[in-house]
Amino acid sequence: MTANLSFATPDLHARLAQLAGDDLDRLDFGVIGFDGDTTVCQYNRTESEAAGLTPPRVLGQPLFTNVAPCLNNFMVAQRFEDAQDDGTTLDDTIDYVLTLRMRPVKVALRLLAAPHTPVRYVLVQRKA
């Protein structure tokens, strides 16, 4: 089921919501799923290995304050907050530079959220 999923797959939010942890681990891009309180509830192997953070260290923690404060800004966290407040779907891809706990790394982030769904996602595609 994951073989045909890529970072750019249309309707990816709904498809990710159907995957089990092992399936998320097979994806070749980072997946960070979090709930309405921004608590991380999904964290795949690709992101764990690239970021150097283990799932036990990340799961159950607030994404924008404890896990990735470098995402706590108008480009990322504010977009999720605005979508939640407005009850709108979010599916934006942005170029970004991750800086926390590592040397600066150029990435593409895909921000996914939909009204009335329990999990929102930050997807991370590292650039060569």
Protein backbone atom coordinates (compact mmCIF):
# COMPACT_ATOMS: atom_id res chain seq x y z
CA MET A 1 0.00 0.00 0.00
CA THR A 2 2.87 2.42 0.68
CA ALA A 3 4.71 1.69 -2.58
CA ASN A 4 2.54 4.15 -4.49
CA LEU A 5 2.66 6.93 -1.88
CA SER A 6 5.09 9.77 -2.36
CA PHE A 7 5.61 13.18 -0.79
CA ALA A 8 3.54 14.70 -3.63
CA THR A 9 0.66 12.19 -3.69
CA PRO A 10 -2.72 13.97 -4.00
CA ASP A 11 -5.12 13.42 -1.07
CA LEU A 12 -2.19 12.25 1.04
CA HIS A 13 -3.73 13.33 4.33
CA ALA A 14 -6.57 10.81 4.04
CA ARG A 15 -4.20 8.08 2.87
CA LEU A 16 -1.76 8.59 5.74
CA ALA A 17 -4.63 8.34 8.23
CA GLN A 18 -5.25 4.77 7.04
CA LEU A 19 -1.66 3.57 7.55
CA ALA A 20 -0.33 1.63 10.50
CA GLY A 21 3.02 2.48 12.09
CA ASP A 22 4.92 -0.14 10.08
CA ASP A 23 3.52 1.29 6.85
CA LEU A 24 4.54 4.82 7.86
CA ASP A 25 8.05 3.51 8.54
CA ARG A 26 8.32 2.31 4.93
CA LEU A 27 7.79 5.78 3.48
CA ASP A 28 10.87 7.54 2.10
CA PHE A 29 9.95 10.91 3.62
CA GLY A 30 9.55 12.03 7.21
CA VAL A 31 6.12 11.90 8.83
CA ILE A 32 5.25 13.73 12.02
CA GLY A 33 1.60 13.37 13.03
CA PHE A 34 0.16 15.45 15.84
CA ASP A 35 -3.22 16.06 17.44
CA GLY A 36 -5.26 19.19 18.07
CA ASP A 37 -3.14 20.04 21.11
CA THR A 38 0.03 19.69 18.94
CA THR A 39 1.08 16.53 20.79
CA VAL A 40 3.08 14.20 18.53
CA CYS A 41 1.24 10.90 18.05
CA GLN A 42 3.02 9.55 14.93
CA TYR A 43 6.71 9.68 14.08
CA ASN A 44 8.11 7.48 11.37
CA ARG A 45 11.49 5.80 11.05
CA THR A 46 12.64 8.00 8.16
CA GLU A 47 12.22 11.17 10.21
CA SER A 48 13.66 9.59 13.34
CA GLU A 49 16.85 8.53 11.56
CA ALA A 50 17.27 11.83 9.70
CA ALA A 51 16.63 14.02 12.76
CA GLY A 52 18.45 11.81 15.23
CA LEU A 53 15.51 11.77 17.63
CA THR A 54 14.05 8.47 18.84
CA PRO A 55 10.30 7.88 18.90
CA PRO A 56 10.22 7.59 22.73
CA ARG A 57 11.79 11.05 22.95
CA VAL A 58 9.26 12.59 20.52
CA LEU A 59 5.94 10.77 20.97
CA GLY A 60 3.67 12.43 23.50
CA GLN A 61 5.58 15.72 23.34
CA PRO A 62 4.31 19.08 22.04
CA LEU A 63 5.61 19.46 18.48
CA PHE A 64 6.17 23.20 18.30
CA THR A 65 7.72 23.71 21.73
CA ASN A 66 9.55 20.54 22.78
CA VAL A 67 10.24 18.63 19.55
CA ALA A 68 10.76 21.21 16.81
CA PRO A 69 10.64 24.78 18.08
CA CYS A 70 12.23 25.81 14.77
CA LEU A 71 8.77 25.20 13.25
CA ASN A 72 7.00 27.45 15.75
CA ASN A 73 6.54 30.44 13.46
CA PHE A 74 4.17 32.03 10.96
CA MET A 75 5.34 29.75 8.13
CA VAL A 76 4.42 26.49 9.84
CA ALA A 77 2.67 26.52 13.23
CA GLN A 78 0.55 29.57 12.38
CA ARG A 79 -0.76 27.92 9.21
CA PHE A 80 -2.04 24.97 11.24
CA GLU A 81 -3.60 27.30 13.80
CA ASP A 82 -5.28 29.40 11.09
CA ALA A 83 -6.68 26.32 9.34
CA GLN A 84 -8.02 24.98 12.63
CA ASP A 85 -9.59 28.33 13.58
CA ASP A 86 -11.13 28.77 10.11
CA GLY A 87 -12.24 25.12 9.77
CA THR A 88 -10.41 24.85 6.45
CA THR A 89 -8.25 22.22 4.80
CA LEU A 90 -4.50 22.81 4.74
CA ASP A 91 -2.28 21.26 2.08
CA ASP A 92 0.73 23.51 1.52
CA THR A 93 4.26 22.65 0.45
CA ILE A 94 7.01 25.09 1.37
CA ASP A 95 10.78 25.21 1.09
CA TYR A 96 12.33 25.39 4.54
CA VAL A 97 15.60 25.11 6.43
CA LEU A 98 15.63 22.98 9.58
CA THR A 99 18.11 24.21 12.16
CA LEU A 100 17.44 22.60 15.52
CA ARG A 101 19.93 20.04 16.89
CA MET A 102 21.65 19.76 13.52
CA ARG A 103 23.45 21.70 10.88
CA PRO A 104 21.05 23.63 8.64
CA VAL A 105 19.28 21.22 6.30
CA LYS A 106 17.26 22.29 3.26
CA VAL A 107 13.93 20.49 3.09
CA ALA A 108 10.49 20.71 1.60
CA LEU A 109 7.70 20.60 4.18
CA ARG A 110 4.19 19.53 3.33
CA LEU A 111 1.64 20.74 5.85
CA LEU A 112 -1.57 18.70 6.00
CA ALA A 113 -4.70 19.26 8.06
CA ALA A 114 -8.42 18.84 7.51
CA PRO A 115 -11.45 19.83 9.54
CA HIS A 116 -12.84 17.16 11.85
CA THR A 117 -9.78 14.89 11.55
CA PRO A 118 -7.83 14.01 14.67
CA VAL A 119 -4.31 14.00 13.20
CA ARG A 120 -2.48 16.75 11.34
CA TYR A 121 0.87 16.19 9.61
CA VAL A 122 4.19 17.82 8.91
CA LEU A 123 5.90 15.83 6.16
CA VAL A 124 9.61 16.31 5.57
CA GLN A 125 11.36 15.69 2.25
CA ARG A 126 15.09 16.25 2.54
CA LYS A 127 16.80 17.77 -0.46
CA ALA A 128 20.02 16.47 -1.93
